């Protein structure tokens, strides 16, 4: 179900949005709606990936010590 909203933007942003909408052959309203939907999807996929990453178990290696921070940038000194 679509809902109407009122958005306040700076004049320069509105000019840009009108140009973008004209180039895409759509209205400013639909353009803003598409942008919000895209942002929503991007945010959701990030948080889904982050939640999956947090569930990962640390990888155990046989006999290999993890790299220590102080040794990370040690270049043969």
Protein backbone atom coordinates (compact mmCIF):
# COMPACT_ATOMS: atom_id res chain seq x y z
CA UNK A 1 0.00 0.00 0.00
CA UNK A 2 1.46 3.32 -1.06
CA UNK A 3 1.35 6.30 1.31
CA UNK A 4 1.84 9.98 0.61
CA UNK A 5 4.47 11.94 2.53
CA UNK A 6 5.63 15.54 2.50
CA UNK A 7 9.36 16.09 2.22
CA UNK A 8 11.20 19.38 2.68
CA UNK A 9 14.39 19.74 0.65
CA UNK A 10 16.68 22.53 -0.41
CA UNK A 11 15.98 24.13 -3.77
CA UNK A 12 19.20 22.79 -5.26
CA UNK A 13 18.28 19.23 -4.26
CA UNK A 14 14.83 19.62 -5.78
CA UNK A 15 16.31 20.84 -9.08
CA UNK A 16 18.60 17.81 -9.14
CA UNK A 17 15.70 15.46 -8.37
CA UNK A 18 13.58 16.98 -11.15
CA UNK A 19 16.41 16.53 -13.65
CA UNK A 20 16.96 12.93 -12.56
CA UNK A 21 13.25 12.15 -12.77
CA UNK A 22 13.02 13.72 -16.26
CA UNK A 23 16.03 11.70 -17.47
CA UNK A 24 14.45 8.49 -16.17
CA UNK A 25 10.98 9.37 -17.45
CA UNK A 26 9.37 9.25 -14.01
CA UNK A 27 8.05 11.62 -11.37
CA UNK A 28 10.02 13.06 -8.47
CA UNK A 29 7.71 11.17 -6.13
CA UNK A 30 8.47 7.81 -7.77
CA UNK A 31 12.17 8.64 -7.97
CA UNK A 32 12.32 9.36 -4.22
CA UNK A 33 10.32 6.21 -3.52
CA UNK A 34 12.76 4.11 -5.58
CA UNK A 35 15.73 5.70 -3.82
CA UNK A 36 14.26 4.94 -0.39
CA UNK A 37 13.50 1.36 -1.40
CA UNK A 38 17.08 0.89 -2.67
CA UNK A 39 18.53 2.32 0.55
CA UNK A 40 16.28 0.06 2.60
CA UNK A 41 17.49 -3.01 0.69
CA UNK A 42 21.14 -1.99 1.02
CA UNK A 43 20.77 -1.48 4.76
CA UNK A 44 18.95 -4.80 5.20
CA UNK A 45 21.57 -6.76 3.27
CA UNK A 46 24.36 -5.16 5.30
CA UNK A 47 22.77 -6.08 8.63
CA UNK A 48 21.97 -9.61 7.43
CA UNK A 49 25.60 -10.11 6.38
CA UNK A 50 26.83 -8.62 9.66
CA UNK A 51 24.63 -10.97 11.69
CA UNK A 52 25.96 -13.93 9.69
CA UNK A 53 29.55 -12.81 10.23
CA UNK A 54 29.01 -12.58 13.98
CA UNK A 55 27.89 -16.22 14.03
CA UNK A 56 31.08 -17.46 12.39
CA UNK A 57 33.44 -19.47 14.56
CA UNK A 58 37.13 -18.49 14.68
CA UNK A 59 39.31 -20.53 12.35
CA UNK A 60 41.80 -22.72 14.20
CA UNK A 61 45.16 -23.32 12.55
CA UNK A 62 47.56 -26.12 13.42
CA UNK A 63 50.76 -24.84 14.97
CA UNK A 64 50.58 -21.43 13.35
CA UNK A 65 50.54 -18.49 15.70
CA UNK A 66 48.24 -15.61 14.83
CA UNK A 67 49.92 -12.45 13.59
CA UNK A 68 50.35 -10.00 16.42
CA UNK A 69 49.54 -6.35 15.86
CA UNK A 70 53.08 -5.22 16.69
CA UNK A 71 54.44 -7.62 14.05
CA UNK A 72 51.99 -6.59 11.37
CA UNK A 73 54.04 -3.60 10.25
CA UNK A 74 57.46 -5.02 11.17
CA UNK A 75 59.40 -4.88 7.92
CA UNK A 76 62.62 -6.60 8.89
CA UNK A 77 63.74 -4.08 11.45
